[in-house]
């Protein structure tokens, strides 16, 4: 008996977000708006700096643009939260 290919591997078009992910993002943004928006985030930065900086690290883009022809060395120093004077 032959198996039919069906719709296996078809899925969503590339770049189209999952419906659940989109709805969850909208709920989170709605809750943020209800909590006070930017003022709430600023207060959290003061009251809960570790959690706030974790959020910042997840939201900011993780790409670095550089000119590969430039031979100037780049020094990156990663500061752990424990090392910061918060």
PDB file of N, CA and C in Angstrom:
ATOM      1  N   UNK A   1       0.834  -1.162   0.000  1.00  0.00           N
ATOM      2  CA  UNK A   1       0.000   0.000   0.000  1.00  0.00           C
ATOM      3  C   UNK A   1       0.893   1.244   0.000  1.00  0.00           C
ATOM      4  N   UNK A   2       0.627   2.171  -0.925  1.00  0.00           N
ATOM      5  CA  UNK A   2       1.408   3.394  -1.034  1.00  0.00           C
ATOM      6  C   UNK A   2       0.919   4.453  -0.050  1.00  0.00           C
ATOM      7  N   UNK A   3       1.887   5.185   0.518  1.00  0.00           N
ATOM      8  CA  UNK A   3       1.516   6.285   1.407  1.00  0.00           C
ATOM      9  C   UNK A   3       1.380   7.548   0.579  1.00  0.00           C
ATOM     10  N   UNK A   4       0.371   8.353   0.905  1.00  0.00           N
ATOM     11  CA  UNK A   4       0.174   9.617   0.211  1.00  0.00           C
ATOM     12  C   UNK A   4       0.966  10.699   0.919  1.00  0.00           C
ATOM     13  N   UNK A   5       1.528  11.622   0.147  1.00  0.00           N
ATOM     14  CA  UNK A   5       2.343  12.696   0.709  1.00  0.00           C
ATOM     15  C   UNK A   5       1.509  13.645   1.562  1.00  0.00           C
ATOM     16  N   UNK A   6       0.284  13.931   1.164  1.00  0.00           N
ATOM     17  CA  UNK A   6      -0.569  14.828   1.931  1.00  0.00           C
ATOM     18  C   UNK A   6       0.022  16.222   2.041  1.00  0.00           C
ATOM     19  N   UNK A   7      -0.180  16.851   3.198  1.00  0.00           N
ATOM     20  CA  UNK A   7       0.314  18.208   3.423  1.00  0.00           C
ATOM     21  C   UNK A   7       1.537  18.220   4.329  1.00  0.00           C
ATOM     22  N   UNK A   8       2.173  17.088   4.479  1.00  0.00           N
ATOM     23  CA  UNK A   8       3.325  16.989   5.357  1.00  0.00           C
ATOM     24  C   UNK A   8       4.411  17.975   4.937  1.00  0.00           C
ATOM     25  N   UNK A   9       4.886  18.762   5.906  1.00  0.00           N
ATOM     26  CA  UNK A   9       5.960  19.704   5.641  1.00  0.00           C
ATOM     27  C   UNK A   9       5.529  21.029   5.046  1.00  0.00           C
ATOM     28  N   UNK A  10       4.215  21.228   4.840  1.00  0.00           N
ATOM     29  CA  UNK A  10       3.748  22.470   4.229  1.00  0.00           C
ATOM     30  C   UNK A  10       3.851  23.617   5.229  1.00  0.00           C
ATOM     31  N   UNK A  11       3.154  23.546   6.358  1.00  0.00           N
ATOM     32  CA  UNK A  11       3.253  24.542   7.421  1.00  0.00           C
ATOM     33  C   UNK A  11       2.930  25.963   6.998  1.00  0.00           C
ATOM     34  N   UNK A  12       3.332  26.906   7.847  1.00  0.00           N
ATOM     35  CA  UNK A  12       3.113  28.334   7.575  1.00  0.00           C
ATOM     36  C   UNK A  12       4.147  28.831   6.574  1.00  0.00           C
ATOM     37  N   UNK A  13       3.790  29.923   5.918  1.00  0.00           N
ATOM     38  CA  UNK A  13       4.731  30.598   5.046  1.00  0.00           C
ATOM     39  C   UNK A  13       5.839  31.181   5.902  1.00  0.00           C
ATOM     40  N   UNK A  14       7.055  31.133   5.423  1.00  0.00           N
ATOM     41  CA  UNK A  14       8.201  31.634   6.176  1.00  0.00           C
ATOM     42  C   UNK A  14       7.984  33.099   6.545  1.00  0.00           C
ATOM     43  N   UNK A  15       8.230  33.424   7.817  1.00  0.00           N
ATOM     44  CA  UNK A  15       8.093  34.794   8.289  1.00  0.00           C
ATOM     45  C   UNK A  15       6.748  35.118   8.907  1.00  0.00           C
ATOM     46  N   UNK A  16       5.766  34.246   8.720  1.00  0.00           N
ATOM     47  CA  UNK A  16       4.443  34.478   9.309  1.00  0.00           C
ATOM     48  C   UNK A  16       4.467  33.936  10.728  1.00  0.00           C
ATOM     49  N   UNK A  17       4.185  34.816  11.736  1.00  0.00           N
ATOM     50  CA  UNK A  17       4.253  34.352  13.122  1.00  0.00           C
ATOM     51  C   UNK A  17       3.124  33.392  13.462  1.00  0.00           C
ATOM     52  N   UNK A  18       3.401  32.539  14.420  1.00  0.00           N
ATOM     53  CA  UNK A  18       2.410  31.620  14.938  1.00  0.00           C
ATOM     54  C   UNK A  18       1.265  32.437  15.519  1.00  0.00           C
ATOM     55  N   UNK A  19       0.008  32.022  15.293  1.00  0.00           N
ATOM     56  CA  UNK A  19      -1.160  32.751  15.776  1.00  0.00           C
ATOM     57  C   UNK A  19      -1.147  32.855  17.297  1.00  0.00           C
ATOM     58  N   UNK A  20      -0.787  31.788  17.986  1.00  0.00           N
ATOM     59  CA  UNK A  20      -0.745  31.801  19.447  1.00  0.00           C
ATOM     60  C   UNK A  20       0.327  32.774  19.927  1.00  0.00           C
ATOM     61  N   UNK A  21       1.490  32.781  19.296  1.00  0.00           N
ATOM     62  CA  UNK A  21       2.566  33.691  19.660  1.00  0.00           C
ATOM     63  C   UNK A  21       2.114  35.139  19.496  1.00  0.00           C
ATOM     64  N   UNK A  22       1.430  35.430  18.405  1.00  0.00           N
ATOM     65  CA  UNK A  22       0.937  36.788  18.141  1.00  0.00           C
ATOM     66  C   UNK A  22      -0.070  37.200  19.207  1.00  0.00           C
ATOM     67  N   UNK A  23      -1.002  36.310  19.535  1.00  0.00           N
ATOM     68  CA  UNK A  23      -2.015  36.625  20.539  1.00  0.00           C
ATOM     69  C   UNK A  23      -1.386  36.801  21.921  1.00  0.00           C
ATOM     70  N   UNK A  24      -0.406  35.976  22.255  1.00  0.00           N
ATOM     71  CA  UNK A  24       0.274  36.087  23.546  1.00  0.00           C
ATOM     72  C   UNK A  24       1.025  37.413  23.636  1.00  0.00           C
ATOM     73  N   UNK A  25       1.695  37.797  22.569  1.00  0.00           N
ATOM     74  CA  UNK A  25       2.414  39.073  22.536  1.00  0.00           C
ATOM     75  C   UNK A  25       1.441  40.232  22.742  1.00  0.00           C
ATOM     76  N   UNK A  26       0.275  40.176  22.093  1.00  0.00           N
ATOM     77  CA  UNK A  26      -0.732  41.224  22.249  1.00  0.00           C
ATOM     78  C   UNK A  26      -1.243  41.286  23.689  1.00  0.00           C
ATOM     79  N   UNK A  27      -1.420  40.127  24.339  1.00  0.00           N
ATOM     80  CA  UNK A  27      -1.868  40.109  25.731  1.00  0.00           C
ATOM     81  C   UNK A  27      -0.810  40.716  26.650  1.00  0.00           C
ATOM     82  N   UNK A  28       0.455  40.385  26.429  1.00  0.00           N
ATOM     83  CA  UNK A  28       1.543  40.914  27.258  1.00  0.00           C
ATOM     84  C   UNK A  28       1.631  42.425  27.099  1.00  0.00           C
ATOM     85  N   UNK A  29       1.553  42.919  25.861  1.00  0.00           N
ATOM     86  CA  UNK A  29       1.606  44.360  25.636  1.00  0.00           C
ATOM     87  C   UNK A  29       0.394  45.058  26.240  1.00  0.00           C
ATOM     88  N   UNK A  30      -0.775  44.412  26.186  1.00  0.00           N
ATOM     89  CA  UNK A  30      -1.969  44.972  26.812  1.00  0.00           C
ATOM     90  C   UNK A  30      -1.826  45.063  28.319  1.00  0.00           C
ATOM     91  N   UNK A  31      -1.262  44.024  28.936  1.00  0.00           N
ATOM     92  CA  UNK A  31      -1.039  44.030  30.386  1.00  0.00           C
ATOM     93  C   UNK A  31      -0.017  45.101  30.758  1.00  0.00           C
ATOM     94  N   UNK A  32       1.017  45.267  29.955  1.00  0.00           N
ATOM     95  CA  UNK A  32       2.012  46.306  30.200  1.00  0.00           C
ATOM     96  C   UNK A  32       1.360  47.684  30.135  1.00  0.00           C
ATOM     97  N   UNK A  33       0.505  47.879  29.152  1.00  0.00           N
ATOM     98  CA  UNK A  33      -0.202  49.151  29.016  1.00  0.00           C
ATOM     99  C   UNK A  33      -1.093  49.400  30.236  1.00  0.00           C
ATOM    100  N   UNK A  34      -1.810  48.371  30.680  1.00  0.00           N
ATOM    101  CA  UNK A  34      -2.675  48.488  31.853  1.00  0.00           C
ATOM    102  C   UNK A  34      -1.877  48.788  33.120  1.00  0.00           C
ATOM    103  N   UNK A  35      -0.642  48.290  33.202  1.00  0.00           N
ATOM    104  CA  UNK A  35       0.195  48.476  34.394  1.00  0.00           C
ATOM    105  C   UNK A  35       0.877  49.836  34.424  1.00  0.00           C
ATOM    106  N   UNK A  36       0.833  50.570  33.327  1.00  0.00           N
ATOM    107  CA  UNK A  36       1.436  51.898  33.317  1.00  0.00           C
ATOM    108  C   UNK A  36       2.447  52.120  32.217  1.00  0.00           C
ATOM    109  N   UNK A  37       2.656  51.130  31.370  1.00  0.00           N
ATOM    110  CA  UNK A  37       3.529  51.295  30.206  1.00  0.00           C
ATOM    111  C   UNK A  37       4.968  51.623  30.558  1.00  0.00           C
ATOM    112  N   UNK A  38       5.491  52.682  29.965  1.00  0.00           N
ATOM    113  CA  UNK A  38       6.895  53.048  30.131  1.00  0.00           C
ATOM    114  C   UNK A  38       7.216  53.406  31.577  1.00  0.00           C
ATOM    115  N   UNK A  39       6.300  54.082  32.265  1.00  0.00           N
ATOM    116  CA  UNK A  39       6.540  54.452  33.668  1.00  0.00           C
ATOM    117  C   UNK A  39       6.676  53.195  34.523  1.00  0.00           C
ATOM    118  N   UNK A  40       5.871  52.175  34.228  1.00  0.00           N
ATOM    119  CA  UNK A  40       5.954  50.909  34.967  1.00  0.00           C
ATOM    120  C   UNK A  40       7.316  50.249  34.736  1.00  0.00           C
ATOM    121  N   UNK A  41       7.763  50.247  33.486  1.00  0.00           N
ATOM    122  CA  UNK A  41       9.059  49.647  33.183  1.00  0.00           C
ATOM    123  C   UNK A  41      10.199  50.405  33.861  1.00  0.00           C
ATOM    124  N   UNK A  42      10.104  51.725  33.895  1.00  0.00           N
ATOM    125  CA  UNK A  42      11.132  52.519  34.573  1.00  0.00           C
ATOM    126  C   UNK A  42      11.173  52.176  36.060  1.00  0.00           C
ATOM    127  N   UNK A  43      10.011  52.000  36.677  1.00  0.00           N
ATOM    128  CA  UNK A  43       9.965  51.632  38.098  1.00  0.00           C
ATOM    129  C   UNK A  43      10.561  50.246  38.307  1.00  0.00           C
ATOM    130  N   UNK A  44      10.278  49.317  37.400  1.00  0.00           N
ATOM    131  CA  UNK A  44      10.839  47.975  37.509  1.00  0.00           C
ATOM    132  C   UNK A  44      12.358  47.995  37.350  1.00  0.00           C
ATOM    133  N   UNK A  45      12.870  48.897  36.518  1.00  0.00           N
ATOM    134  CA  UNK A  45      14.318  49.017  36.343  1.00  0.00           C
ATOM    135  C   UNK A  45      14.980  49.391  37.665  1.00  0.00           C
ATOM    136  N   UNK A  46      14.300  50.210  38.458  1.00  0.00           N
ATOM    137  CA  UNK A  46      14.835  50.599  39.767  1.00  0.00           C
ATOM    138  C   UNK A  46      14.600  49.516  40.820  1.00  0.00           C
ATOM    139  N   UNK A  47      13.379  48.975  40.865  1.00  0.00           N
ATOM    140  CA  UNK A  47      13.012  48.021  41.917  1.00  0.00           C
ATOM    141  C   UNK A  47      13.548  46.612  41.679  1.00  0.00           C
ATOM    142  N   UNK A  48      13.619  46.202  40.424  1.00  0.00           N
ATOM    143  CA  UNK A  48      14.035  44.837  40.057  1.00  0.00           C
ATOM    144  C   UNK A  48      15.034  44.889  38.912  1.00  0.00           C
ATOM    145  N   UNK A  49      16.239  45.431  39.147  1.00  0.00           N
ATOM    146  CA  UNK A  49      17.179  45.621  38.037  1.00  0.00           C
ATOM    147  C   UNK A  49      17.600  44.321  37.349  1.00  0.00           C
ATOM    148  N   UNK A  50      17.728  43.229  38.084  1.00  0.00           N
ATOM    149  CA  UNK A  50      18.135  41.964  37.439  1.00  0.00           C
ATOM    150  C   UNK A  50      17.087  41.502  36.440  1.00  0.00           C
ATOM    151  N   UNK A  51      15.828  41.526  36.848  1.00  0.00           N
ATOM    152  CA  UNK A  51      14.748  41.110  35.947  1.00  0.00           C
ATOM    153  C   UNK A  51      14.639  42.065  34.763  1.00  0.00           C
ATOM    154  N   UNK A  52      14.774  43.359  35.034  1.00  0.00           N
ATOM    155  CA  UNK A  52      14.670  44.344  33.961  1.00  0.00           C
ATOM    156  C   UNK A  52      15.785  44.164  32.942  1.00  0.00           C
ATOM    157  N   UNK A  53      17.007  43.979  33.415  1.00  0.00           N
ATOM    158  CA  UNK A  53      18.132  43.803  32.492  1.00  0.00           C
ATOM    159  C   UNK A  53      18.029  42.491  31.721  1.00  0.00           C
ATOM    160  N   UNK A  54      17.430  41.476  32.329  1.00  0.00           N
ATOM    161  CA  UNK A  54      17.175  40.232  31.596  1.00  0.00           C
ATOM    162  C   UNK A  54      16.219  40.496  30.444  1.00  0.00           C
ATOM    163  N   UNK A  55      15.163  41.279  30.724  1.00  0.00           N
ATOM    164  CA  UNK A  55      14.206  41.647  29.678  1.00  0.00           C
ATOM    165  C   UNK A  55      14.900  42.435  28.566  1.00  0.00           C
ATOM    166  N   UNK A  56      15.713  43.409  28.938  1.00  0.00           N
ATOM    167  CA  UNK A  56      16.431  44.220  27.950  1.00  0.00           C
ATOM    168  C   UNK A  56      17.305  43.328  27.076  1.00  0.00           C
ATOM    169  N   UNK A  57      17.999  42.382  27.695  1.00  0.00           N
ATOM    170  CA  UNK A  57      18.866  41.480  26.937  1.00  0.00           C
ATOM    171  C   UNK A  57      18.113  40.607  25.954  1.00  0.00           C
ATOM    172  N   UNK A  58      16.860  40.293  26.265  1.00  0.00           N
ATOM    173  CA  UNK A  58      16.069  39.455  25.362  1.00  0.00           C
ATOM    174  C   UNK A  58      15.409  40.266  24.257  1.00  0.00           C
ATOM    175  N   UNK A  59      15.171  41.549  24.509  1.00  0.00           N
ATOM    176  CA  UNK A  59      14.453  42.379  23.553  1.00  0.00           C
ATOM    177  C   UNK A  59      15.381  43.032  22.534  1.00  0.00           C
ATOM    178  N   UNK A  60      16.567  43.449  22.977  1.00  0.00           N
ATOM    179  CA  UNK A  60      17.486  44.117  22.056  1.00  0.00           C
ATOM    180  C   UNK A  60      18.008  43.145  21.014  1.00  0.00           C
ATOM    181  N   UNK A  61      18.233  43.634  19.811  1.00  0.00           N
ATOM    182  CA  UNK A  61      18.759  42.746  18.767  1.00  0.00           C
ATOM    183  C   UNK A  61      20.141  42.208  19.143  1.00  0.00           C
ATOM    184  N   UNK A  62      20.395  40.997  18.758  1.00  0.00           N
ATOM    185  CA  UNK A  62      21.659  40.348  19.100  1.00  0.00           C
ATOM    186  C   UNK A  62      22.655  40.399  17.941  1.00  0.00           C
ATOM    187  N   UNK A  63      22.476  41.331  17.018  1.00  0.00           N
ATOM    188  CA  UNK A  63      23.398  41.435  15.887  1.00  0.00           C
ATOM    189  C   UNK A  63      24.296  42.647  16.059  1.00  0.00           C
ATOM    190  N   UNK A  64      25.501  42.523  15.583  1.00  0.00           N
ATOM    191  CA  UNK A  64      26.457  43.623  15.610  1.00  0.00           C
ATOM    192  C   UNK A  64      26.933  43.832  14.186  1.00  0.00           C
ATOM    193  N   UNK A  65      26.769  45.045  13.684  1.00  0.00           N
ATOM    194  CA  UNK A  65      27.252  45.368  12.339  1.00  0.00           C
ATOM    195  C   UNK A  65      28.664  45.902  12.453  1.00  0.00           C
ATOM    196  N   UNK A  66      29.537  45.401  11.634  1.00  0.00           N
ATOM    197  CA  UNK A  66      30.919  45.870  11.655  1.00  0.00           C
ATOM    198  C   UNK A  66      31.488  45.806  10.251  1.00  0.00           C
ATOM    199  N   UNK A  67      32.497  46.605  10.012  1.00  0.00           N
ATOM    200  CA  UNK A  67      33.197  46.595   8.743  1.00  0.00           C
ATOM    201  C   UNK A  67      34.326  45.573   8.860  1.00  0.00           C
ATOM    202  N   UNK A  68      34.257  44.506   8.106  1.00  0.00           N
ATOM    203  CA  UNK A  68      35.255  43.446   8.208  1.00  0.00           C
ATOM    204  C   UNK A  68      36.625  43.879   7.685  1.00  0.00           C
ATOM    205  N   UNK A  69      36.700  45.004   6.977  1.00  0.00           N
ATOM    206  CA  UNK A  69      37.975  45.512   6.491  1.00  0.00           C
ATOM    207  C   UNK A  69      38.745  46.235   7.591  1.00  0.00           C
ATOM    208  N   UNK A  70      38.036  46.677   8.623  1.00  0.00           N
ATOM    209  CA  UNK A  70      38.657  47.399   9.743  1.00  0.00           C
ATOM    210  C   UNK A  70      39.398  46.396  10.614  1.00  0.00           C
ATOM    211  N   UNK A  71      40.670  46.624  10.852  1.00  0.00           N
ATOM    212  CA  UNK A  71      41.476  45.695  11.652  1.00  0.00           C
ATOM    213  C   UNK A  71      41.656  46.167  13.088  1.00  0.00           C
ATOM    214  N   UNK A  72      40.937  47.228  13.459  1.00  0.00           N
ATOM    215  CA  UNK A  72      41.023  47.725  14.826  1.00  0.00           C
ATOM    216  C   UNK A  72      40.448  46.673  15.765  1.00  0.00           C
ATOM    217  N   UNK A  73      41.212  46.256  16.783  1.00  0.00           N
ATOM    218  CA  UNK A  73      40.683  45.238  17.690  1.00  0.00           C
ATOM    219  C   UNK A  73      39.522  45.781  18.521  1.00  0.00           C
ATOM    220  N   UNK A  74      38.583  44.909  18.780  1.00  0.00           N
ATOM    221  CA  UNK A  74      37.428  45.248  19.598  1.00  0.00           C
ATOM    222  C   UNK A  74      37.529  44.456  20.889  1.00  0.00           C
ATOM    223  N   UNK A  75      37.440  45.156  22.007  1.00  0.00           N
ATOM    224  CA  UNK A  75      37.492  44.488  23.299  1.00  0.00           C
ATOM    225  C   UNK A  75      36.092  44.500  23.901  1.00  0.00           C
ATOM    226  N   UNK A  76      35.599  43.331  24.244  1.00  0.00           N
ATOM    227  CA  UNK A  76      34.275  43.198  24.842  1.00  0.00           C
ATOM    228  C   UNK A  76      34.449  42.668  26.253  1.00  0.00           C
ATOM    229  N   UNK A  77      33.890  43.391  27.204  1.00  0.00           N
ATOM    230  CA  UNK A  77      33.945  42.969  28.603  1.00  0.00           C
ATOM    231  C   UNK A  77      32.525  42.719  29.073  1.00  0.00           C
ATOM    232  N   UNK A  78      32.247  41.497  29.446  1.00  0.00           N
ATOM    233  CA  UNK A  78      30.909  41.140  29.930  1.00  0.00           C
ATOM    234  C   UNK A  78      30.894  41.317  31.444  1.00  0.00           C
ATOM    235  N   UNK A  79      29.927  42.108  31.915  1.00  0.00           N
ATOM    236  CA  UNK A  79      29.795  42.375  33.340  1.00  0.00           C
ATOM    237  C   UNK A  79      28.626  41.542  33.872  1.00  0.00           C
ATOM    238  N   UNK A  80      28.923  40.720  34.841  1.00  0.00           N
ATOM    239  CA  UNK A  80      27.875  39.929  35.471  1.00  0.00           C
ATOM    240  C   UNK A  80      27.095  40.814  36.425  1.00  0.00           C
ATOM    241  N   UNK A  81      25.834  40.501  36.629  1.00  0.00           N
ATOM    242  CA  UNK A  81      24.987  41.290  37.524  1.00  0.00           C
ATOM    243  C   UNK A  81      25.599  41.376  38.914  1.00  0.00           C
ATOM    244  N   UNK A  82      26.281  40.316  39.362  1.00  0.00           N
ATOM    245  CA  UNK A  82      26.881  40.302  40.695  1.00  0.00           C
ATOM    246  C   UNK A  82      27.998  41.341  40.803  1.00  0.00           C
ATOM    247  N   UNK A  83      28.635  41.683  39.683  1.00  0.00           N
ATOM    248  CA  UNK A  83      29.732  42.627  39.679  1.00  0.00           C
ATOM    249  C   UNK A  83      29.246  44.077  39.658  1.00  0.00           C
ATOM    250  N   UNK A  84      27.974  44.277  39.332  1.00  0.00           N
ATOM    251  CA  UNK A  84      27.445  45.628  39.201  1.00  0.00           C
ATOM    252  C   UNK A  84      27.051  46.172  40.568  1.00  0.00           C
ATOM    253  N   UNK A  85      27.221  47.455  40.734  1.00  0.00           N
ATOM    254  CA  UNK A  85      26.824  48.126  41.954  1.00  0.00           C
ATOM    255  C   UNK A  85      25.398  48.620  41.775  1.00  0.00           C
ATOM    256  N   UNK A  86      24.438  47.733  42.052  1.00  0.00           N
ATOM    257  CA  UNK A  86      23.034  48.080  41.826  1.00  0.00           C
ATOM    258  C   UNK A  86      22.365  48.504  43.090  1.00  0.00           C
TER     259      UNK A  86
END
